[in-house]
Protein backbone atom coordinates (compact mmCIF):
# COMPACT_ATOMS: atom_id res chain seq x y z
CA MET A 1 -14.26 -16.56 -9.18
CA PHE A 2 -11.69 -18.94 -7.83
CA PHE A 3 -10.19 -17.05 -4.76
CA LYS A 4 -14.07 -17.49 -2.50
CA ARG A 5 -13.87 -19.58 0.44
CA ALA A 6 -15.44 -23.20 0.30
CA THR A 7 -17.64 -23.73 3.26
CA SER A 8 -16.41 -27.05 3.65
CA LEU A 9 -13.34 -29.31 2.28
CA THR A 10 -13.03 -32.19 -0.04
CA ILE A 11 -11.56 -35.18 1.04
CA LEU A 12 -9.44 -36.67 -1.94
CA THR A 13 -8.13 -40.53 -2.24
CA THR A 14 -5.62 -41.46 -5.21
CA CYS A 15 -5.79 -44.48 -7.09
CA GLY A 16 -3.53 -44.60 -10.08
CA LYS A 17 -3.73 -41.90 -12.32
CA ASN A 18 -7.72 -40.89 -10.80
CA MET A 19 -8.57 -38.75 -8.06
CA THR A 20 -11.64 -39.46 -6.55
CA LEU A 21 -13.80 -36.97 -4.58
CA VAL A 22 -15.26 -39.65 -1.42
CA ARG A 23 -17.16 -37.13 0.97
CA ARG A 24 -17.16 -33.53 2.70
CA LEU A 25 -16.09 -32.38 5.69
CA SER A 26 -17.76 -29.65 7.79
CA ASP A 27 -16.31 -26.63 9.24
CA ASP A 28 -17.09 -28.19 12.76
CA ALA A 29 -15.20 -31.11 11.97
CA LEU A 30 -11.79 -29.42 11.16
CA LYS A 31 -12.11 -27.96 14.66
CA LYS A 32 -10.86 -30.57 16.91
CA SER A 33 -7.27 -30.70 18.33
CA LYS A 34 -4.26 -31.36 16.38
CA PRO A 35 -3.40 -34.96 15.66
CA ALA A 36 -0.77 -36.60 17.08
CA ALA A 37 2.94 -37.35 14.49
CA ASN A 38 1.51 -40.77 14.08
CA GLU A 39 -1.91 -40.09 12.94
CA ILE A 40 -0.20 -37.82 10.42
CA LYS A 41 1.09 -38.91 6.82
CA LYS A 42 3.34 -36.91 4.52
CA SER A 43 3.68 -37.05 0.77
CA VAL A 44 5.85 -35.17 -1.70
CA PHE A 45 3.73 -34.09 -5.41
CA ILE A 46 6.18 -33.41 -8.07
CA SER A 47 4.20 -31.50 -10.89
CA GLN A 48 4.88 -32.55 -14.06
CA SER A 49 4.19 -28.89 -15.74
CA THR A 50 6.72 -25.98 -16.42
CA ASP A 51 3.72 -23.94 -17.12
CA VAL A 52 3.81 -21.17 -14.10
CA PHE A 53 -0.10 -20.57 -14.31
CA THR A 54 -0.49 -24.32 -14.32
CA ASN A 55 1.36 -25.14 -11.06
CA LEU A 56 -0.44 -21.93 -9.61
CA ALA A 57 -3.67 -22.92 -10.74
CA LEU A 58 -2.71 -26.58 -9.22
CA GLU A 59 -1.41 -24.80 -6.00
CA GLN A 60 -4.70 -23.21 -5.56
CA TRP A 61 -6.91 -26.08 -6.21
CA MET A 62 -5.31 -28.23 -3.60
CA PHE A 63 -5.58 -25.33 -0.78
CA LYS A 64 -9.41 -25.32 -1.51
CA ASN A 65 -10.24 -28.99 -2.62
CA MET A 66 -8.06 -31.27 -0.33
CA ASP A 67 -8.07 -31.80 3.59
CA PHE A 68 -4.68 -31.88 4.75
CA THR A 69 -5.92 -33.08 8.77
CA HIS A 70 -3.83 -36.05 8.22
CA LYS A 71 -1.99 -35.98 4.87
CA HIS A 72 0.27 -33.15 4.89
CA ILE A 73 1.82 -32.71 1.25
CA LEU A 74 5.28 -30.80 0.18
CA MET A 75 4.85 -29.67 -3.81
CA LEU A 76 7.84 -29.39 -5.47
CA TRP A 77 7.27 -27.71 -8.86
CA ARG A 78 9.52 -25.77 -11.36
CA ASN A 79 8.88 -23.05 -13.98
CA ASP A 80 9.62 -21.99 -17.61
CA PRO A 81 11.24 -18.59 -17.71
CA CYS A 82 8.61 -15.73 -15.47
CA VAL A 83 8.27 -13.67 -13.08
CA VAL A 84 5.75 -14.07 -10.70
CA ILE A 85 4.71 -10.81 -8.30
CA GLY A 86 2.89 -11.14 -4.74
CA ARG A 87 -1.11 -10.68 -4.30
CA HIS A 88 -0.72 -6.62 -3.78
CA GLN A 89 2.33 -5.58 -5.91
CA ASN A 90 2.44 -3.51 -8.80
CA PRO A 91 3.64 -5.19 -11.72
CA TRP A 92 5.14 -1.63 -13.76
CA ILE A 93 7.03 -0.90 -10.05
CA GLU A 94 8.46 -4.11 -9.60
CA THR A 95 9.48 -5.04 -13.20
CA ASN A 96 9.86 -3.81 -16.86
CA VAL A 97 6.79 -4.88 -18.76
CA ASP A 98 6.93 -4.06 -22.09
CA GLU A 99 10.29 -5.58 -22.43
CA LEU A 100 9.64 -9.10 -20.65
CA LYS A 101 6.16 -8.99 -23.14
CA ASN A 102 8.68 -8.17 -26.01
CA GLN A 103 10.82 -11.25 -24.79
CA GLY A 104 7.97 -13.36 -24.00
CA VAL A 105 8.41 -13.92 -20.58
CA LYS A 106 5.24 -14.04 -18.90
CA ILE A 107 4.13 -12.09 -15.79
CA ALA A 108 2.10 -14.06 -13.04
CA ARG A 109 0.17 -12.98 -9.67
CA ARG A 110 0.02 -15.10 -7.07
CA ASN A 111 -2.46 -15.46 -4.65
CA SER A 112 0.00 -15.07 -1.67
CA GLY A 113 1.62 -11.85 -0.20
CA GLY A 114 5.27 -11.56 -0.78
CA GLY A 115 7.54 -9.36 -3.37
CA THR A 116 8.57 -10.55 -6.68
CA VAL A 117 10.58 -13.53 -7.90
CA TYR A 118 11.86 -14.75 -11.20
CA HIS A 119 11.63 -18.54 -11.94
CA ASP A 120 13.78 -20.52 -14.62
CA LEU A 121 13.79 -24.41 -14.71
CA GLY A 122 17.40 -23.75 -12.33
CA ASN A 123 14.62 -22.79 -9.69
CA LEU A 124 13.11 -24.96 -7.61
CA ASN A 125 9.39 -24.25 -5.93
CA MET A 126 8.50 -25.58 -2.93
CA THR A 127 4.89 -25.58 -1.03
CA PHE A 128 4.09 -27.16 1.77
CA PHE A 129 0.44 -27.78 2.70
CA THR A 130 -0.53 -28.44 6.31
CA PRO A 131 -4.04 -27.44 8.19
CA GLN A 132 -3.88 -23.97 9.64
CA LYS A 133 -3.01 -25.28 13.26
CA PHE A 134 0.27 -26.75 11.46
CA TYR A 135 0.90 -23.47 9.63
CA ASN A 136 4.98 -23.24 10.69
CA ARG A 137 7.33 -20.88 8.18
CA ARG A 138 10.72 -21.84 9.98
CA TYR A 139 9.85 -25.85 10.49
CA ASN A 140 9.93 -25.74 6.82
CA LEU A 141 12.68 -23.92 6.30
CA GLU A 142 14.84 -25.78 8.06
CA ILE A 143 13.85 -29.34 6.85
CA ILE A 144 15.33 -27.39 3.75
CA SER A 145 18.76 -26.07 5.43
CA ARG A 146 18.61 -29.65 7.11
CA ALA A 147 18.67 -31.16 3.25
CA LEU A 148 21.43 -29.40 2.09
CA PHE A 149 23.91 -29.96 5.02
CA ARG A 150 22.86 -33.41 4.68
CA GLU A 151 23.30 -33.84 0.80
CA TRP A 152 26.41 -31.48 0.16
CA GLY A 153 27.56 -29.74 3.66
CA LEU A 154 26.00 -26.64 2.90
CA ASP A 155 26.21 -24.32 5.75
CA ALA A 156 22.77 -22.45 4.65
CA LYS A 157 20.82 -20.65 7.75
CA VAL A 158 17.43 -19.11 8.07
CA ASN A 159 17.62 -15.79 9.31
CA LYS A 160 15.25 -13.44 10.61
CA ARG A 161 13.38 -12.14 7.85
CA GLU A 162 12.61 -16.43 7.40
CA ASP A 163 15.03 -16.33 3.87
CA ILE A 164 17.43 -18.85 3.63
CA VAL A 165 21.08 -17.66 3.31
CA VAL A 166 24.11 -18.89 2.45
CA ARG A 167 27.24 -16.62 3.10
CA ASP A 168 24.52 -13.51 3.53
CA SER A 169 23.68 -14.08 0.06
CA LYS A 170 19.89 -14.77 -0.39
CA ILE A 171 19.33 -18.77 -2.12
CA SER A 172 15.27 -19.13 -1.00
CA GLY A 173 12.59 -16.13 -0.51
CA THR A 174 9.25 -17.06 1.03
CA ALA A 175 5.59 -16.50 0.86
CA SER A 176 2.29 -18.32 2.75
CA LYS A 177 -1.20 -18.18 2.42
CA LEU A 178 -4.18 -19.24 5.33
CA THR A 179 -7.44 -19.49 5.95
CA ARG A 180 -9.21 -20.45 8.74
CA THR A 181 -8.63 -24.44 8.04
CA ASN A 182 -5.73 -24.60 5.48
CA CYS A 183 -2.97 -23.14 4.86
CA TYR A 184 0.37 -23.15 2.56
CA HIS A 185 3.63 -21.58 2.48
CA HIS A 186 5.76 -21.74 -0.26
CA CYS A 187 9.46 -20.83 -1.50
CA THR A 188 12.02 -20.63 -3.94
CA LEU A 189 15.12 -22.04 -3.69
CA LEU A 190 18.13 -20.86 -6.38
CA VAL A 191 19.71 -23.90 -7.98
CA ASP A 192 20.96 -22.61 -11.43
CA VAL A 193 18.96 -19.62 -12.07
CA ASN A 194 20.20 -17.29 -15.45
CA LYS A 195 21.38 -14.31 -13.23
CA SER A 196 21.72 -12.36 -16.17
CA ALA A 197 18.04 -12.94 -16.98
CA LEU A 198 16.82 -12.62 -13.29
CA GLY A 199 18.50 -9.44 -12.97
CA ASN A 200 16.96 -8.43 -16.41
CA ALA A 201 13.48 -9.34 -15.63
CA LEU A 202 13.19 -7.17 -12.48
CA LEU A 203 14.95 -4.20 -13.78
CA LYS A 204 12.80 -1.49 -12.93
CA LYS A 205 11.68 1.39 -15.55
CA ASP A 206 11.04 4.88 -13.95
CA LEU A 207 7.65 5.66 -14.77
CA GLY A 208 6.82 8.43 -11.79
CA ILE A 209 4.61 5.85 -10.24
CA GLU A 210 3.20 6.83 -6.41
CA SER A 211 1.67 3.88 -4.87
CA ASN A 212 0.84 2.19 -1.30
CA ALA A 213 1.60 -1.39 -3.18
CA THR A 214 3.97 -3.60 -1.30
CA LYS A 215 7.36 -2.95 -2.62
CA SER A 216 10.26 -5.79 -2.75
CA ILE A 217 13.00 -5.42 -0.86
CA PRO A 218 16.29 -6.07 -3.41
CA SER A 219 18.62 -8.74 -2.03
CA PRO A 220 22.02 -10.25 -3.14
CA VAL A 221 21.54 -13.65 -3.97
CA LEU A 222 23.54 -16.97 -4.78
CA ASN A 223 22.96 -20.13 -7.04
CA LEU A 224 23.58 -23.20 -4.85
CA LYS A 225 25.31 -24.61 -7.97
CA ASP A 226 28.20 -21.54 -7.19
CA GLU A 227 28.86 -22.81 -3.67
CA ASN A 228 28.75 -26.55 -4.61
CA ARG A 229 28.94 -27.28 -7.93
CA HIS A 230 28.08 -31.16 -7.46
CA VAL A 231 24.17 -29.82 -6.51
CA ASN A 232 21.89 -30.70 -9.09
CA MET A 233 18.18 -30.43 -9.17
CA ASN A 234 16.96 -34.14 -9.62
CA LYS A 235 19.40 -34.75 -6.56
CA LEU A 236 18.23 -31.54 -4.80
CA MET A 237 14.46 -32.41 -5.15
CA THR A 238 15.24 -36.27 -3.66
CA ALA A 239 17.36 -34.82 -0.82
CA VAL A 240 14.55 -32.30 0.37
CA GLY A 241 11.62 -35.05 -0.29
CA TRP A 242 13.34 -37.49 1.90
CA GLU A 243 14.42 -35.20 4.48
CA TYR A 244 10.55 -33.64 4.75
CA LEU A 245 9.36 -37.33 4.76
CA ARG A 246 11.67 -38.28 8.06
CA THR A 247 10.68 -35.01 9.63
CA PRO A 248 7.52 -35.71 11.74
CA ALA A 249 5.40 -33.10 11.66
CA THR A 250 5.02 -32.35 14.97
CA GLU A 251 8.66 -31.44 15.70
CA LEU A 252 11.96 -31.01 13.95
CA ILE A 253 13.70 -34.01 14.42
CA ASP A 254 14.90 -36.68 12.60
CA ASN A 255 13.40 -40.16 12.96
CA GLY A 256 14.99 -41.32 10.15
CA MET A 257 14.73 -43.25 6.64
CA LYS A 258 13.18 -46.16 8.71
CA TYR A 259 10.06 -43.80 9.20
CA ALA A 260 10.19 -42.26 6.04
CA SER A 261 9.74 -45.00 4.38
CA GLN A 262 6.18 -45.32 6.48
CA GLN A 263 5.36 -42.10 4.99
CA ASN A 264 3.19 -41.74 1.32
CA GLY A 265 6.54 -41.28 -0.35
CA PHE A 266 6.66 -39.91 -3.78
CA LYS A 267 4.03 -39.17 -6.58
CA TYR A 268 4.56 -37.30 -9.75
CA ILE A 269 1.55 -34.94 -10.28
CA ASN A 270 -0.37 -34.75 -13.70
CA PRO A 271 -1.97 -31.44 -13.87
CA THR A 272 -5.08 -31.69 -16.10
CA GLU A 273 -8.99 -31.64 -16.27
CA GLY A 274 -8.76 -35.50 -15.57
CA TRP A 275 -7.33 -35.43 -12.36
CA PHE A 276 -7.97 -31.98 -11.01
CA PRO A 277 -11.98 -31.35 -12.40
CA GLU A 278 -12.14 -27.50 -13.25
CA LEU A 279 -8.22 -26.89 -12.95
CA ASN A 280 -8.49 -25.14 -16.47
CA ASN A 281 -10.82 -22.47 -15.26
CA ILE A 282 -8.38 -21.59 -12.29
CA ARG A 283 -5.48 -21.82 -15.01
CA GLU A 284 -7.44 -19.33 -16.92
CA GLU A 285 -8.17 -16.79 -14.37
CA PHE A 286 -4.28 -16.76 -13.08
CA ALA A 287 -3.44 -16.13 -17.31
CA SER A 288 -5.97 -13.14 -17.37
CA TRP A 289 -4.97 -9.50 -17.65
CA ASP A 290 -8.00 -8.75 -15.07
CA TRP A 291 -6.43 -10.79 -12.55
CA THR A 292 -2.40 -10.10 -13.62
CA PHE A 293 -2.98 -6.15 -13.89
CA GLY A 294 -6.49 -5.39 -13.10
CA LYS A 295 -5.88 -6.36 -9.46
CA THR A 296 -3.38 -3.88 -8.74
CA PRO A 297 -3.73 -1.32 -6.42
CA LYS A 298 -4.82 2.37 -7.25
CA PHE A 299 -1.84 4.34 -8.02
CA THR A 300 -0.42 7.38 -10.41
CA SER A 301 2.02 7.73 -12.81
CA ASN A 302 3.43 11.49 -12.45
CA ILE A 303 5.63 13.49 -15.62
CA TYR A 304 7.54 16.51 -14.87
CA LEU A 305 7.50 19.04 -17.70
CA PRO A 306 9.89 21.87 -17.86
CA THR A 307 8.51 25.69 -19.41
CA VAL A 308 9.90 27.17 -21.70
CA HIS A 309 10.08 30.16 -20.15
CA ASP A 310 11.72 29.09 -17.12
CA GLU A 311 13.09 25.42 -16.82
CA LYS A 312 12.97 25.70 -12.65
CA ILE A 313 9.34 25.84 -12.78
CA LYS A 314 7.54 22.11 -13.77
CA ILE A 315 3.97 21.21 -14.59
CA LYS A 316 3.31 18.15 -13.32
CA LEU A 317 0.92 15.43 -15.07
CA SER A 318 -0.98 12.84 -13.29
CA MET A 319 -2.37 9.76 -15.02
CA ILE A 320 -4.56 8.14 -12.02
CA ILE A 321 -4.88 4.27 -12.53
CA GLU A 322 -7.45 2.05 -11.34
CA GLY A 323 -8.05 -1.88 -12.22
CA GLY A 324 -4.46 -0.99 -14.43
CA LYS A 325 -6.57 1.42 -16.51
CA ILE A 326 -6.25 5.20 -16.93
CA GLN A 327 -9.07 6.53 -15.37
CA ASP A 328 -8.17 10.53 -15.14
CA ILE A 329 -5.26 12.70 -16.54
CA VAL A 330 -4.65 15.73 -14.25
CA LEU A 331 -2.54 18.98 -14.60
CA GLN A 332 -0.68 20.66 -11.46
CA ILE A 333 -0.41 23.96 -12.29
CA PRO A 334 2.35 26.34 -10.98
CA PRO A 335 1.22 29.79 -9.71
CA GLY A 336 1.62 32.55 -12.16
CA LEU A 337 1.85 30.11 -15.33
CA SER A 338 -1.67 30.72 -17.00
CA THR A 339 -2.44 34.13 -18.53
CA MET A 340 -5.66 33.55 -17.56
CA GLY A 341 -4.59 33.53 -14.12
CA PHE A 342 -5.30 30.14 -13.02
CA GLU A 343 -3.17 27.60 -10.42
CA GLY A 344 -4.01 23.76 -9.04
CA GLU A 345 -5.18 20.85 -10.27
CA ALA A 346 -6.93 20.86 -13.59
CA ARG A 347 -8.23 18.01 -15.81
CA VAL A 348 -6.64 17.39 -19.29
CA TYR A 349 -9.53 17.93 -21.86
CA ILE A 350 -7.54 17.72 -25.37
CA ALA A 351 -8.89 14.78 -27.64
CA GLU A 352 -5.67 12.52 -28.26
CA LEU A 353 -4.73 12.65 -24.65
CA SER A 354 -8.49 12.16 -23.54
CA SER A 355 -8.62 8.85 -25.79
CA LEU A 356 -6.03 7.34 -23.25
CA LYS A 357 -8.58 7.14 -20.70
CA GLY A 358 -10.26 3.97 -19.88
CA GLN A 359 -7.52 2.70 -21.85
CA PRO A 360 -4.65 -0.15 -20.09
CA PHE A 361 -1.66 1.78 -18.58
CA SER A 362 1.50 1.07 -20.36
CA GLN A 363 4.90 2.71 -21.12
CA ASN A 364 3.55 3.30 -24.40
CA ALA A 365 0.75 5.24 -22.60
CA VAL A 366 3.43 7.52 -20.97
CA ASP A 367 5.38 8.33 -23.83
CA LEU A 368 2.39 9.43 -25.81
CA LEU A 369 1.58 11.70 -22.69
CA ARG A 370 4.99 13.02 -22.99
CA LYS A 371 4.70 13.58 -26.92
CA MET A 372 1.51 15.15 -26.87
CA MET A 373 1.82 17.69 -24.27
CA PRO A 374 2.25 21.29 -25.83
CA TYR A 375 2.88 23.04 -22.87
CA GLN A 376 6.52 23.49 -23.13
CA GLU A 377 6.03 24.99 -26.00
CA SER A 378 3.37 27.66 -24.63
CA LYS A 379 2.70 29.57 -21.83
CA ASP A 380 -0.80 30.35 -22.26
CA LEU A 381 -2.01 27.44 -20.36
CA GLY A 382 -5.46 28.71 -21.03
CA LYS A 383 -6.16 27.52 -24.51
CA VAL A 384 -6.18 23.92 -23.55
CA LEU A 385 -7.24 23.47 -19.74
CA VAL A 386 -11.26 24.17 -19.73
CA GLU A 387 -12.23 22.73 -15.91
CA SER A 388 -10.80 23.17 -12.51
CA VAL A 389 -11.00 20.05 -10.27
CA ASN A 390 -11.25 22.19 -7.06
């Protein structure tokens, strides 16, 4: 698993196309005090991939393997249409999983917390890599805000939730990941996103889910292009990149273009095995069902079925899902409904329904459960219930 913490960090040097491992740095050496601004050089990396799993793998590789003590990095990246959920979220709550699959829109689970976002090529993603001691989300967001004002005069503000807003509409969401040594803060920036596709991608389907998973907070959104038609992606990446380079790492001041020209500048990055050894293994993990769906926190999906003799009395049918798979199916029987005198919880032992156990949870499973349940046709639940849960 690529999420285990390394006990030491690898320093990388770049020479043309190749990245070479040169030495390893112990944790003790990382405990020194913050370096001064003139000891830190900044770089802007631009990923040449538009595959969400590759870019998430690149982000994870850099986070785990690079030493940012004297080299801070801003990575700019874009993705083909996809939905990205937070590490602790439930994809069946946040999106219509089956519909996205039908449309060929990928669903990815990132390694940071936060809410669900839609990406396409009209959205710019930015990842700020620093040592943990330099973790400062507002510093990063203010750099973006300053770039928008400097280039287009846009009045973008950082609110209390650390979103960037224009006229109370959200143009950027944010999340982060920290360890004792390294950290990253990443955020989105809506430039010319297909808002119709965004709305449809995040359109939730009611599957009766009860869960403690982190839930997204809906917000009105705005494309920068709607606010100023002159905004375009290439100019935006240049503007944000130069604003980042002209701002010293230790304080939020403008040191000008002369200072920026003394930094490490812009670099196009090709996220392949040749540049980043073992990157494909990390990508495969991010793209796997076990990571995207299997890491979903335990939840239940409830169906309420009216009875034939009294529609006010409903039978509660619950699927218990753990690791993304159906572990059990349980009925909640109202008092007086069974001729056997049973009430309370009971496990379901119907051949067709029991076959769902161990299968991945899906809309199809919910529909099949509704279709197969015979209790709406008969009051005698004793014919199908054989074991009380209690």
